[in-house]
Amino acid sequence: MTTNPREAVGTRFDPALMQRARERSWDALQGIREQMQPGISEDEAQAAAAGVFRRLGCDRLWHPTYIRIGPNTTRTYRQRSDPGVRLGENDSYFIDLGLVFDGHEGDVGDTFVVGHAPERQACADAARALFREVAAAWRTQGLSGQALYALAGERASAMGWRLNHAIKGHRVGDFPHAVHKAGDLGDLDGSPSSGLWILEIQIAHPSEPFGAFHEDMLSFGNTD
């Protein structure tokens, strides 16, 4: 499929199963979204998520499930959440999933708003718009991973948001992709291949304690 050692795959790798894992992961994310009502905590949301995964026939997790609420939406997966946070009446949260279906890795994430929170909605919308813009630049210009994240930083600032530069995207593949030690997308000096890399976008308000997250696979067959 590719001669780049950072894009190596295992003998079981199947592009069709990769796409199916992506689709099933989005189904799981929407199933969790249906459980997110004001008053829920992150721990309670993760417990509900486990039931969604079982119903969908998820093989296993390949990274922990992250559900961040309110001020915790500015934190990365490496940072612990404030455990006392619960979803407010006018609030936002994001879901970040790393699931395995049929031996292939899905990795998706998105941000949602409950109630009336216009600034938070604008932030969620901006994360999706920024993702689409950067992904389109990859499709049309063949930019390297490094160039994609340079573009993301420039465009986030122009849109009035702060890009979290610690989030740089990563490889996926047949489980476990980590044996190939591919590193981050944001450090890749070549153009990433379709169906093997996750583009992650995390932004935050420049002064208020909330942010937004969106991630999906870079794929020529996915233009969302």
Protein backbone atom coordinates (compact mmCIF):
# COMPACT_ATOMS: atom_id res chain seq x y z
CA MET A 1 0.00 0.00 0.00
CA THR A 2 2.85 2.39 0.83
CA THR A 3 6.65 2.32 1.08
CA ASN A 4 6.78 4.82 3.95
CA PRO A 5 7.71 2.84 7.08
CA ARG A 6 5.63 5.24 9.17
CA GLU A 7 2.58 4.03 7.23
CA ALA A 8 3.24 0.32 7.60
CA VAL A 9 0.23 -1.93 8.21
CA GLY A 10 -0.23 -5.51 9.36
CA THR A 11 -1.15 -8.54 7.30
CA ARG A 12 -4.80 -8.28 8.37
CA PHE A 13 -5.22 -4.70 7.18
CA ASP A 14 -8.29 -4.12 5.00
CA PRO A 15 -9.28 -0.59 3.84
CA ALA A 16 -12.94 -1.58 3.81
CA LEU A 17 -12.74 -2.68 7.45
CA MET A 18 -10.98 0.56 8.33
CA GLN A 19 -13.88 2.51 6.86
CA ARG A 20 -16.37 0.29 8.67
CA ALA A 21 -14.56 0.88 11.97
CA ARG A 22 -14.82 4.61 11.33
CA GLU A 23 -18.55 4.41 10.61
CA ARG A 24 -19.26 2.24 13.65
CA SER A 25 -17.26 4.62 15.83
CA TRP A 26 -19.43 7.52 14.69
CA ASP A 27 -22.49 5.40 15.52
CA ALA A 28 -21.08 4.89 19.01
CA LEU A 29 -20.43 8.61 19.44
CA GLN A 30 -24.02 9.42 18.53
CA GLY A 31 -25.24 6.75 20.95
CA ILE A 32 -23.32 8.43 23.76
CA ARG A 33 -24.62 11.84 22.73
CA GLU A 34 -28.15 10.57 23.34
CA GLN A 35 -27.21 9.91 26.99
CA MET A 36 -25.83 13.39 27.63
CA GLN A 37 -28.40 15.25 29.70
CA PRO A 38 -27.83 18.20 32.09
CA GLY A 39 -26.56 17.00 35.44
CA ILE A 40 -24.53 14.06 34.13
CA SER A 41 -20.90 13.74 35.22
CA GLU A 42 -18.01 12.56 33.07
CA ASP A 43 -17.77 9.29 35.02
CA GLU A 44 -21.48 8.65 34.55
CA ALA A 45 -21.19 9.41 30.84
CA GLN A 46 -18.30 6.96 30.49
CA ALA A 47 -20.35 4.26 32.22
CA ALA A 48 -23.19 4.88 29.76
CA ALA A 49 -20.67 4.75 26.90
CA ALA A 50 -19.59 1.25 27.89
CA GLY A 51 -23.15 0.04 27.32
CA VAL A 52 -23.21 1.65 23.88
CA PHE A 53 -19.96 -0.10 22.94
CA ARG A 54 -21.34 -3.48 23.97
CA ARG A 55 -24.51 -3.01 21.94
CA LEU A 56 -22.51 -2.14 18.83
CA GLY A 57 -20.19 -5.11 19.15
CA CYS A 58 -16.99 -3.19 19.80
CA ASP A 59 -13.99 -5.56 20.10
CA ARG A 60 -12.17 -3.41 22.63
CA LEU A 61 -10.87 0.11 23.25
CA TRP A 62 -7.51 1.09 21.84
CA HIS A 63 -7.40 4.31 23.86
CA PRO A 64 -9.48 5.35 26.87
CA THR A 65 -12.82 7.05 26.29
CA TYR A 66 -12.60 10.79 26.93
CA ILE A 67 -15.75 12.77 27.67
CA ARG A 68 -14.95 16.33 28.70
CA ILE A 69 -17.59 18.70 30.05
CA GLY A 70 -17.56 22.49 30.50
CA PRO A 71 -14.16 23.83 31.59
CA ASN A 72 -12.63 20.40 31.05
CA THR A 73 -13.08 20.89 27.29
CA THR A 74 -9.87 22.92 27.29
CA ARG A 75 -7.86 19.95 28.58
CA THR A 76 -6.05 17.37 26.48
CA TYR A 77 -6.18 13.61 26.90
CA ARG A 78 -2.95 13.82 28.92
CA GLN A 79 -4.52 16.15 31.47
CA ARG A 80 -6.87 15.01 34.21
CA SER A 81 -10.37 16.41 34.33
CA ASP A 82 -11.76 18.28 37.30
CA PRO A 83 -13.90 15.45 38.76
CA GLY A 84 -16.53 17.80 40.15
CA VAL A 85 -17.79 19.04 36.79
CA ARG A 86 -21.32 18.15 35.65
CA LEU A 87 -23.09 19.14 32.45
CA GLY A 88 -24.97 22.40 32.93
CA GLU A 89 -28.24 23.55 31.43
CA ASN A 90 -26.39 25.79 28.94
CA ASP A 91 -23.09 24.04 28.42
CA SER A 92 -20.85 22.09 26.07
CA TYR A 93 -18.95 18.82 26.05
CA PHE A 94 -16.88 16.72 23.71
CA ILE A 95 -16.52 12.99 23.12
CA ASP A 96 -13.27 11.37 21.97
CA LEU A 97 -13.42 7.66 21.10
CA GLY A 98 -10.76 5.10 20.17
CA LEU A 99 -12.55 1.83 19.39
CA VAL A 100 -11.67 -1.42 17.63
CA PHE A 101 -14.13 -3.15 15.31
CA ASP A 102 -13.16 -6.28 13.35
CA GLY A 103 -9.54 -5.78 14.36
CA HIS A 104 -9.37 -2.25 12.92
CA GLU A 105 -9.15 1.06 14.76
CA GLY A 106 -11.74 3.80 14.69
CA ASP A 107 -10.99 7.20 16.18
CA VAL A 108 -13.59 9.98 16.13
CA GLY A 109 -14.45 13.02 18.20
CA ASP A 110 -16.89 15.90 18.22
CA THR A 111 -18.27 18.69 20.41
CA PHE A 112 -21.89 19.38 21.30
CA VAL A 113 -23.88 22.09 23.06
CA VAL A 114 -26.93 21.76 25.30
CA GLY A 115 -29.36 24.58 26.01
CA HIS A 116 -28.58 28.12 24.89
CA ALA A 117 -24.83 28.83 24.78
CA PRO A 118 -24.08 30.82 21.61
CA GLU A 119 -20.35 31.27 22.21
CA ARG A 120 -19.89 27.60 22.95
CA GLN A 121 -21.87 26.71 19.83
CA ALA A 122 -19.66 29.05 17.81
CA CYS A 123 -16.60 27.27 19.19
CA ALA A 124 -17.96 23.82 18.30
CA ASP A 125 -18.86 25.04 14.81
CA ALA A 126 -15.41 26.56 14.38
CA ALA A 127 -13.66 23.31 15.27
CA ARG A 128 -15.65 21.48 12.61
CA ALA A 129 -15.09 24.24 10.04
CA LEU A 130 -11.36 24.28 10.75
CA PHE A 131 -11.20 20.50 10.38
CA ARG A 132 -12.95 20.70 7.01
CA GLU A 133 -10.64 23.47 5.79
CA VAL A 134 -7.46 21.66 6.79
CA ALA A 135 -8.68 18.33 5.39
CA ALA A 136 -9.59 20.05 2.12
CA ALA A 137 -6.06 21.49 1.90
CA TRP A 138 -4.69 17.96 2.25
CA ARG A 139 -6.96 16.65 -0.51
CA THR A 140 -6.33 19.48 -2.97
CA GLN A 141 -2.73 20.47 -2.20
CA GLY A 142 -1.17 17.29 -0.83
CA LEU A 143 0.26 19.15 2.17
CA SER A 144 2.55 17.42 4.65
CA GLY A 145 1.39 16.74 8.19
CA GLN A 146 3.62 19.56 9.41
CA ALA A 147 2.11 21.99 6.89
CA LEU A 148 -1.43 20.93 7.80
CA TYR A 149 -0.92 21.87 11.45
CA ALA A 150 0.85 25.11 10.54
CA LEU A 151 -2.22 25.97 8.48
CA ALA A 152 -4.52 24.96 11.34
CA GLY A 153 -2.73 27.31 13.73
CA GLU A 154 -2.87 30.24 11.30
CA ARG A 155 -6.53 29.73 10.49
CA ALA A 156 -7.57 29.22 14.12
CA SER A 157 -5.99 32.57 15.04
CA ALA A 158 -7.67 34.28 12.09
CA MET A 159 -11.01 32.86 13.23
CA GLY A 160 -10.48 34.22 16.75
CA TRP A 161 -9.67 30.94 18.52
CA ARG A 162 -6.57 29.43 20.09
CA LEU A 163 -5.32 26.14 18.62
CA ASN A 164 -3.98 23.61 21.09
CA HIS A 165 -0.62 22.81 19.47
CA ALA A 166 -0.08 19.80 21.75
CA ILE A 167 -2.72 17.91 19.72
CA LYS A 168 -1.13 16.81 16.45
CA GLY A 169 -3.08 13.83 15.10
CA HIS A 170 -1.79 10.30 14.72
CA ARG A 171 -1.84 6.97 12.87
CA VAL A 172 -4.55 4.34 12.90
CA GLY A 173 -4.66 0.93 11.28
CA ASP A 174 -5.26 -2.69 12.07
CA PHE A 175 -4.88 -3.09 15.82
CA PRO A 176 -2.40 -2.34 17.26
CA HIS A 177 -1.08 0.37 14.94
CA ALA A 178 1.35 1.46 17.67
CA VAL A 179 3.77 -1.35 16.77
CA HIS A 180 4.76 0.75 13.75
CA LYS A 181 5.71 3.74 15.96
CA ALA A 182 4.60 6.24 13.34
CA GLY A 183 4.60 9.35 15.54
CA ASP A 184 2.26 12.31 15.24
CA LEU A 185 0.67 13.58 12.05
CA GLY A 186 1.88 17.09 12.93
CA ASP A 187 5.48 15.86 12.74
CA LEU A 188 5.08 14.05 9.39
CA ASP A 189 7.24 15.72 6.73
CA GLY A 190 5.39 14.05 3.87
CA SER A 191 1.78 14.01 2.71
CA PRO A 192 -0.27 11.51 4.73
CA SER A 193 -1.91 8.63 2.88
CA SER A 194 -5.68 8.28 2.80
CA GLY A 195 -7.24 6.04 5.44
CA LEU A 196 -4.26 5.85 7.80
CA TRP A 197 -4.10 9.14 9.69
CA ILE A 198 -6.38 10.98 12.10
CA LEU A 199 -6.60 14.75 11.91
CA GLU A 200 -7.31 16.20 15.36
CA ILE A 201 -8.39 19.78 15.95
CA GLN A 202 -8.71 21.20 19.46
CA ILE A 203 -9.37 24.90 19.95
CA ALA A 204 -10.28 27.10 22.89
CA HIS A 205 -11.71 30.53 23.54
CA PRO A 206 -8.81 32.97 23.98
CA SER A 207 -9.94 34.02 27.46
CA GLU A 208 -12.99 32.01 28.58
CA PRO A 209 -12.74 28.47 30.05
CA PHE A 210 -14.21 26.39 27.23
CA GLY A 211 -13.04 24.78 24.03
CA ALA A 212 -14.00 22.33 21.30
CA PHE A 213 -12.60 19.21 19.70
CA HIS A 214 -13.17 17.48 16.39
CA GLU A 215 -11.34 14.54 14.83
CA ASP A 216 -11.82 12.10 12.00
CA MET A 217 -9.87 10.06 9.49
CA LEU A 218 -8.23 11.77 6.53
CA SER A 219 -9.80 9.93 3.62
CA PHE A 220 -10.48 10.82 0.02
CA GLY A 221 -13.81 9.06 0.42
CA ASN A 222 -14.80 11.26 3.38
CA THR A 223 -15.44 14.90 2.56
CA ASP A 224 -17.36 15.88 5.73
